[in-house]
């Protein structure tokens, strides 16, 4: 069943990603401060939570894309949202896996290039990691 909504442009997705980098930096700084305080209050025991920081971008995407608004703050600012093939909301686990696949793709030049080429040649502008999970980034209605 096809999604009866307008697909997002790759340019809007790129700008949303740049905005999200700023939000993730802020989210990570907030988590760092919180973990530092918890660690001090627990005489160092809470500092084990610093292991969560590398996954802060994935947590951010899971909570925001898997939430009611269906998009990260950057996506919302650009008027985008993420939907599954039925056009409905994405759950948090799928949103986290989507973010993980995206970060794996952009961390390796060949995977990033393949992901981008897929998006450029497809008329619906879905990237490789979107296709793997059956998701689409669309314009918010």
N, C-alpha and C. Protein backbone atom coordinates (compact mmCIF):
# COMPACT_ATOMS: atom_id res chain seq x y z
N UNK A 1 0.84 -1.18 0.00
CA UNK A 1 0.00 0.00 0.00
C UNK A 1 0.89 1.25 0.00
N UNK A 2 0.69 2.13 -0.92
CA UNK A 2 1.52 3.32 -1.05
C UNK A 2 1.07 4.40 -0.06
N UNK A 3 2.01 5.20 0.37
CA UNK A 3 1.73 6.30 1.28
C UNK A 3 1.16 7.47 0.48
N UNK A 4 -0.07 7.92 0.80
CA UNK A 4 -0.70 8.99 0.03
C UNK A 4 -0.30 10.38 0.51
N UNK A 5 0.99 10.62 0.65
CA UNK A 5 1.47 11.92 1.10
C UNK A 5 2.63 12.36 0.22
N UNK A 6 2.99 13.62 0.32
CA UNK A 6 4.05 14.18 -0.51
C UNK A 6 5.40 13.89 0.13
N UNK A 7 6.32 13.36 -0.64
CA UNK A 7 7.65 13.02 -0.15
C UNK A 7 8.46 14.28 0.11
N UNK A 8 9.40 14.16 1.03
CA UNK A 8 10.27 15.28 1.39
C UNK A 8 11.43 15.38 0.41
N UNK A 9 11.95 16.57 0.27
CA UNK A 9 13.12 16.75 -0.59
C UNK A 9 14.38 16.38 0.19
N UNK A 10 15.42 16.01 -0.52
CA UNK A 10 16.69 15.69 0.13
C UNK A 10 17.32 16.93 0.74
N UNK A 11 17.09 18.09 0.14
CA UNK A 11 17.62 19.33 0.69
C UNK A 11 17.02 19.65 2.06
N UNK A 12 15.72 19.48 2.19
CA UNK A 12 15.05 19.72 3.47
C UNK A 12 15.54 18.72 4.52
N UNK A 13 15.76 17.49 4.11
CA UNK A 13 16.28 16.49 5.05
C UNK A 13 17.69 16.85 5.51
N UNK A 14 18.51 17.39 4.61
CA UNK A 14 19.88 17.76 4.96
C UNK A 14 19.88 18.93 5.96
N UNK A 15 19.06 19.92 5.72
CA UNK A 15 18.98 21.06 6.64
C UNK A 15 18.45 20.59 8.00
N UNK A 16 17.47 19.70 7.98
CA UNK A 16 16.95 19.15 9.24
C UNK A 16 18.04 18.42 10.00
N UNK A 17 18.89 17.69 9.29
CA UNK A 17 20.01 16.98 9.93
C UNK A 17 20.99 17.97 10.55
N UNK A 18 21.31 19.05 9.86
CA UNK A 18 22.21 20.05 10.41
C UNK A 18 21.63 20.68 11.68
N UNK A 19 20.34 20.97 11.67
CA UNK A 19 19.69 21.49 12.87
C UNK A 19 19.72 20.46 14.00
N UNK A 20 19.48 19.19 13.64
CA UNK A 20 19.48 18.13 14.65
C UNK A 20 20.85 17.94 15.29
N UNK A 21 21.91 18.19 14.54
CA UNK A 21 23.25 18.11 15.13
C UNK A 21 23.35 19.09 16.30
N UNK A 22 22.84 20.29 16.12
CA UNK A 22 22.86 21.28 17.19
C UNK A 22 22.03 20.82 18.39
N UNK A 23 20.85 20.26 18.12
CA UNK A 23 20.01 19.78 19.21
C UNK A 23 20.65 18.60 19.94
N UNK A 24 21.31 17.72 19.20
CA UNK A 24 21.97 16.57 19.82
C UNK A 24 23.14 17.02 20.68
N UNK A 25 23.87 18.03 20.23
CA UNK A 25 24.96 18.57 21.05
C UNK A 25 24.40 19.12 22.36
N UNK A 26 23.32 19.86 22.28
CA UNK A 26 22.67 20.39 23.49
C UNK A 26 22.15 19.29 24.39
N UNK A 27 21.52 18.27 23.79
CA UNK A 27 20.99 17.13 24.54
C UNK A 27 22.13 16.38 25.23
N UNK A 28 23.24 16.19 24.52
CA UNK A 28 24.40 15.50 25.09
C UNK A 28 25.01 16.32 26.23
N UNK A 29 25.08 17.63 26.07
CA UNK A 29 25.60 18.49 27.14
C UNK A 29 24.71 18.42 28.38
N UNK A 30 23.41 18.41 28.17
CA UNK A 30 22.48 18.29 29.28
C UNK A 30 22.63 16.94 29.99
N UNK A 31 22.75 15.88 29.20
CA UNK A 31 22.97 14.55 29.78
C UNK A 31 24.28 14.49 30.55
N UNK A 32 25.31 15.11 30.01
CA UNK A 32 26.61 15.13 30.68
C UNK A 32 26.51 15.82 32.03
N UNK A 33 25.84 16.95 32.08
CA UNK A 33 25.65 17.68 33.33
C UNK A 33 24.85 16.84 34.33
N UNK A 34 23.78 16.23 33.87
CA UNK A 34 22.95 15.40 34.73
C UNK A 34 23.72 14.21 35.29
N UNK A 35 24.48 13.54 34.43
CA UNK A 35 25.26 12.38 34.87
C UNK A 35 26.36 12.81 35.84
N UNK A 36 26.96 13.97 35.60
CA UNK A 36 27.99 14.48 36.51
C UNK A 36 27.40 14.72 37.90
N UNK A 37 26.24 15.32 37.95
CA UNK A 37 25.58 15.57 39.25
C UNK A 37 25.20 14.25 39.92
N UNK A 38 24.62 13.34 39.16
CA UNK A 38 24.25 12.04 39.73
C UNK A 38 25.50 11.31 40.23
N UNK A 39 26.58 11.38 39.47
CA UNK A 39 27.83 10.74 39.88
C UNK A 39 28.37 11.33 41.17
N UNK A 40 28.30 12.64 41.30
CA UNK A 40 28.79 13.29 42.52
C UNK A 40 27.92 12.90 43.72
N UNK A 41 26.62 12.82 43.51
CA UNK A 41 25.71 12.46 44.61
C UNK A 41 25.84 11.00 45.03
N UNK A 42 26.28 10.16 44.10
CA UNK A 42 26.41 8.72 44.41
C UNK A 42 27.86 8.31 44.61
N UNK A 43 28.74 9.31 44.88
CA UNK A 43 30.16 9.06 45.12
C UNK A 43 30.82 8.29 43.98
N UNK A 44 30.49 8.64 42.76
CA UNK A 44 31.12 8.07 41.58
C UNK A 44 30.38 6.93 40.93
N UNK A 45 29.44 6.32 41.62
CA UNK A 45 28.72 5.18 41.05
C UNK A 45 27.89 5.58 39.82
N UNK A 46 27.29 6.76 39.87
CA UNK A 46 26.46 7.22 38.76
C UNK A 46 27.23 7.55 37.51
N UNK A 47 28.55 7.71 37.63
CA UNK A 47 29.35 8.04 36.46
C UNK A 47 29.41 6.90 35.45
N UNK A 48 28.96 5.73 35.84
CA UNK A 48 28.88 4.63 34.86
C UNK A 48 27.87 4.94 33.77
N UNK A 49 26.97 5.89 34.04
CA UNK A 49 25.99 6.29 33.03
C UNK A 49 26.61 7.03 31.86
N UNK A 50 27.87 7.44 31.99
CA UNK A 50 28.55 8.08 30.86
C UNK A 50 28.62 7.15 29.65
N UNK A 51 28.45 5.87 29.86
CA UNK A 51 28.44 4.91 28.75
C UNK A 51 27.26 5.13 27.81
N UNK A 52 26.24 5.84 28.28
CA UNK A 52 25.05 6.11 27.46
C UNK A 52 25.30 7.24 26.46
N UNK A 53 26.25 8.12 26.74
CA UNK A 53 26.45 9.31 25.91
C UNK A 53 26.70 9.04 24.43
N UNK A 54 27.47 8.01 24.05
CA UNK A 54 27.64 7.79 22.60
C UNK A 54 26.34 7.49 21.87
N UNK A 55 25.34 7.03 22.58
CA UNK A 55 24.06 6.71 21.95
C UNK A 55 23.06 7.85 22.06
N UNK A 56 23.51 9.04 22.45
CA UNK A 56 22.57 10.14 22.67
C UNK A 56 21.83 10.54 21.39
N UNK A 57 22.47 10.48 20.24
CA UNK A 57 21.80 10.79 18.98
C UNK A 57 20.72 9.79 18.64
N UNK A 58 20.98 8.53 18.93
CA UNK A 58 19.98 7.49 18.68
C UNK A 58 18.82 7.63 19.66
N UNK A 59 19.12 7.92 20.92
CA UNK A 59 18.06 8.15 21.90
C UNK A 59 17.20 9.34 21.51
N UNK A 60 17.84 10.43 21.08
CA UNK A 60 17.13 11.62 20.63
C UNK A 60 16.18 11.28 19.49
N UNK A 61 16.65 10.53 18.50
CA UNK A 61 15.81 10.17 17.36
C UNK A 61 14.70 9.21 17.77
N UNK A 62 15.00 8.26 18.64
CA UNK A 62 13.98 7.30 19.06
C UNK A 62 12.83 8.01 19.77
N UNK A 63 13.16 8.93 20.65
CA UNK A 63 12.12 9.63 21.41
C UNK A 63 11.34 10.61 20.53
N UNK A 64 12.02 11.33 19.66
CA UNK A 64 11.33 12.34 18.86
C UNK A 64 10.61 11.75 17.64
N UNK A 65 11.27 10.88 16.90
CA UNK A 65 10.63 10.27 15.72
C UNK A 65 9.57 9.27 16.16
N UNK A 66 9.83 8.55 17.24
CA UNK A 66 8.85 7.58 17.76
C UNK A 66 7.75 8.23 18.57
N UNK A 67 7.83 9.52 18.79
CA UNK A 67 6.82 10.24 19.58
C UNK A 67 5.63 10.68 18.74
N UNK A 68 4.78 11.46 19.36
CA UNK A 68 3.53 11.87 18.72
C UNK A 68 3.74 12.76 17.49
N UNK A 69 4.80 13.57 17.47
CA UNK A 69 5.01 14.48 16.34
C UNK A 69 5.70 13.83 15.15
N UNK A 70 6.22 12.62 15.32
CA UNK A 70 6.79 11.81 14.24
C UNK A 70 8.02 12.41 13.58
N UNK A 71 8.74 13.24 14.29
CA UNK A 71 9.94 13.81 13.69
C UNK A 71 10.84 14.44 14.73
N UNK A 72 12.12 14.53 14.40
CA UNK A 72 13.05 15.21 15.27
C UNK A 72 12.73 16.69 15.27
N UNK A 73 13.34 17.45 16.16
CA UNK A 73 13.08 18.88 16.20
C UNK A 73 13.50 19.55 14.90
N UNK A 74 14.61 19.11 14.32
CA UNK A 74 15.03 19.64 13.03
C UNK A 74 14.03 19.33 11.93
N UNK A 75 13.52 18.11 11.93
CA UNK A 75 12.51 17.74 10.93
C UNK A 75 11.25 18.59 11.10
N UNK A 76 10.84 18.79 12.34
CA UNK A 76 9.64 19.60 12.58
C UNK A 76 9.84 21.02 12.09
N UNK A 77 11.05 21.57 12.32
CA UNK A 77 11.33 22.93 11.86
C UNK A 77 11.29 23.02 10.33
N UNK A 78 11.63 21.93 9.66
CA UNK A 78 11.61 21.91 8.19
C UNK A 78 10.29 21.39 7.64
N UNK A 79 9.32 21.10 8.51
CA UNK A 79 8.01 20.63 8.06
C UNK A 79 8.01 19.20 7.57
N UNK A 80 8.80 18.34 8.22
CA UNK A 80 8.90 16.93 7.82
C UNK A 80 8.45 16.01 8.95
N UNK A 81 8.09 14.80 8.59
CA UNK A 81 7.80 13.76 9.57
C UNK A 81 8.11 12.40 8.96
N UNK A 82 8.23 11.40 9.80
CA UNK A 82 8.56 10.05 9.36
C UNK A 82 7.32 9.17 9.51
N UNK A 83 7.03 8.41 8.47
CA UNK A 83 5.88 7.50 8.49
C UNK A 83 6.32 6.13 7.97
N UNK A 84 5.53 5.11 8.32
CA UNK A 84 5.79 3.79 7.76
C UNK A 84 5.02 3.65 6.44
N UNK A 85 5.02 2.47 5.86
CA UNK A 85 4.43 2.30 4.52
C UNK A 85 2.92 2.52 4.51
N UNK A 86 2.27 2.34 5.66
CA UNK A 86 0.84 2.58 5.74
C UNK A 86 0.52 4.05 5.98
N UNK A 87 1.54 4.85 6.19
CA UNK A 87 1.34 6.27 6.44
C UNK A 87 1.06 6.59 7.89
N UNK A 88 1.32 5.64 8.78
CA UNK A 88 1.05 5.84 10.20
C UNK A 88 2.35 6.05 10.98
N UNK A 89 2.19 6.27 12.26
CA UNK A 89 3.30 6.58 13.16
C UNK A 89 4.29 5.43 13.29
N UNK A 90 5.55 5.79 13.51
CA UNK A 90 6.63 4.82 13.68
C UNK A 90 6.85 4.61 15.18
N UNK A 91 7.07 3.37 15.60
CA UNK A 91 7.33 3.11 17.02
C UNK A 91 8.78 3.48 17.37
N UNK A 92 9.07 3.56 18.67
CA UNK A 92 10.39 4.01 19.12
C UNK A 92 11.52 3.06 18.72
N UNK A 93 11.28 1.78 18.74
CA UNK A 93 12.32 0.81 18.37
C UNK A 93 12.70 0.98 16.90
N UNK A 94 11.70 1.08 16.03
CA UNK A 94 11.97 1.28 14.60
C UNK A 94 12.67 2.62 14.37
N UNK A 95 12.26 3.65 15.11
CA UNK A 95 12.91 4.96 14.99
C UNK A 95 14.37 4.89 15.41
N UNK A 96 14.66 4.14 16.47
CA UNK A 96 16.04 3.98 16.93
C UNK A 96 16.87 3.21 15.91
N UNK A 97 16.31 2.16 15.33
CA UNK A 97 17.03 1.39 14.31
C UNK A 97 17.25 2.25 13.07
N UNK A 98 16.27 3.06 12.71
CA UNK A 98 16.40 3.98 11.56
C UNK A 98 17.56 4.94 11.79
N UNK A 99 17.64 5.51 12.99
CA UNK A 99 18.74 6.42 13.32
C UNK A 99 20.08 5.68 13.32
N UNK A 100 20.12 4.48 13.87
CA UNK A 100 21.35 3.70 13.89
C UNK A 100 21.85 3.42 12.48
N UNK A 101 20.95 3.00 11.59
CA UNK A 101 21.34 2.74 10.21
C UNK A 101 21.83 4.01 9.52
N UNK A 102 21.19 5.14 9.82
CA UNK A 102 21.62 6.42 9.26
C UNK A 102 23.03 6.76 9.73
N UNK A 103 23.30 6.63 11.03
CA UNK A 103 24.63 6.97 11.55
C UNK A 103 25.70 6.00 11.05
N UNK A 104 25.34 4.74 10.85
CA UNK A 104 26.30 3.79 10.27
C UNK A 104 26.60 4.21 8.83
N UNK A 105 25.56 4.60 8.09
CA UNK A 105 25.75 4.99 6.69
C UNK A 105 26.62 6.24 6.57
N UNK A 106 26.40 7.25 7.39
CA UNK A 106 27.19 8.48 7.24
C UNK A 106 28.58 8.35 7.83
N UNK A 107 28.84 7.30 8.59
CA UNK A 107 30.18 7.13 9.16
C UNK A 107 31.14 6.43 8.21
N UNK A 108 30.62 5.88 7.13
CA UNK A 108 31.44 5.19 6.14
C UNK A 108 31.17 5.81 4.78
N UNK A 109 32.19 6.28 4.11
CA UNK A 109 32.00 7.01 2.86
C UNK A 109 31.23 6.18 1.82
N UNK A 110 31.58 4.93 1.63
CA UNK A 110 30.92 4.12 0.60
C UNK A 110 29.45 3.89 0.91
N UNK A 111 29.13 3.62 2.18
CA UNK A 111 27.73 3.44 2.55
C UNK A 111 26.95 4.75 2.42
N UNK A 112 27.59 5.85 2.80
CA UNK A 112 26.95 7.15 2.68
C UNK A 112 26.68 7.46 1.21
N UNK A 113 27.66 7.23 0.36
CA UNK A 113 27.51 7.50 -1.07
C UNK A 113 26.41 6.62 -1.67
N UNK A 114 26.38 5.34 -1.30
CA UNK A 114 25.34 4.44 -1.79
C UNK A 114 23.96 4.90 -1.32
N UNK A 115 23.86 5.27 -0.05
CA UNK A 115 22.61 5.76 0.52
C UNK A 115 22.12 6.99 -0.24
N UNK A 116 23.03 7.90 -0.52
CA UNK A 116 22.69 9.13 -1.23
C UNK A 116 22.32 8.88 -2.68
N UNK A 117 23.06 8.01 -3.35
CA UNK A 117 22.75 7.69 -4.75
C UNK A 117 21.36 7.06 -4.86
N UNK A 118 21.04 6.19 -3.92
CA UNK A 118 19.69 5.58 -3.93
C UNK A 118 18.63 6.68 -3.85
N UNK A 119 18.84 7.65 -2.96
CA UNK A 119 17.88 8.75 -2.83
C UNK A 119 17.80 9.63 -4.06
N UNK A 120 18.93 9.82 -4.74
CA UNK A 120 18.95 10.67 -5.93
C UNK A 120 18.28 10.02 -7.13
N UNK A 121 18.38 8.71 -7.26
CA UNK A 121 17.81 8.04 -8.44
C UNK A 121 16.35 7.65 -8.26
N UNK A 122 15.88 7.61 -7.04
CA UNK A 122 14.48 7.25 -6.80
C UNK A 122 13.60 8.50 -6.89
N UNK A 123 12.46 8.36 -7.52
CA UNK A 123 11.56 9.51 -7.64
C UNK A 123 10.94 9.90 -6.31
N UNK A 124 10.82 8.95 -5.37
CA UNK A 124 10.23 9.28 -4.06
C UNK A 124 11.26 9.80 -3.06
N UNK A 125 12.54 9.86 -3.46
CA UNK A 125 13.64 10.40 -2.65
C UNK A 125 13.87 9.66 -1.33
N UNK A 126 13.47 8.39 -1.27
CA UNK A 126 13.75 7.59 -0.08
C UNK A 126 15.19 7.10 -0.15
N UNK A 127 15.89 7.21 0.97
CA UNK A 127 17.29 6.77 1.04
C UNK A 127 17.33 5.28 1.36
N UNK A 128 18.52 4.70 1.27
CA UNK A 128 18.69 3.27 1.48
C UNK A 128 18.21 2.81 2.85
N UNK A 129 18.55 3.56 3.90
CA UNK A 129 18.13 3.14 5.24
C UNK A 129 16.62 3.29 5.42
N UNK A 130 15.97 4.17 4.66
CA UNK A 130 14.51 4.26 4.68
C UNK A 130 13.90 3.00 4.06
N UNK A 131 14.47 2.58 2.95
CA UNK A 131 13.96 1.41 2.24
C UNK A 131 14.10 0.13 3.07
N UNK A 132 15.23 0.00 3.77
CA UNK A 132 15.45 -1.20 4.58
C UNK A 132 14.37 -1.39 5.64
N UNK A 133 13.86 -0.28 6.18
CA UNK A 133 12.86 -0.36 7.25
C UNK A 133 11.45 -0.06 6.78
N UNK A 134 11.28 0.25 5.50
CA UNK A 134 9.94 0.55 4.99
C UNK A 134 9.39 1.88 5.50
N UNK A 135 10.27 2.86 5.67
CA UNK A 135 9.86 4.16 6.17
C UNK A 135 9.99 5.21 5.07
N UNK A 136 9.35 6.33 5.29
CA UNK A 136 9.45 7.46 4.37
C UNK A 136 9.46 8.76 5.18
N UNK A 137 10.26 9.70 4.75
CA UNK A 137 10.23 11.05 5.32
C UNK A 137 9.38 11.88 4.38
N UNK A 138 8.31 12.44 4.93
CA UNK A 138 7.33 13.15 4.12
C UNK A 138 7.11 14.55 4.67
N UNK A 139 6.45 15.37 3.89
CA UNK A 139 6.08 16.71 4.36
C UNK A 139 4.94 16.56 5.36
N UNK A 140 5.05 17.30 6.45
CA UNK A 140 3.99 17.26 7.47
C UNK A 140 2.75 17.96 6.92
N UNK A 141 1.61 17.38 7.20
CA UNK A 141 0.36 17.95 6.69
C UNK A 141 -0.19 18.99 7.63
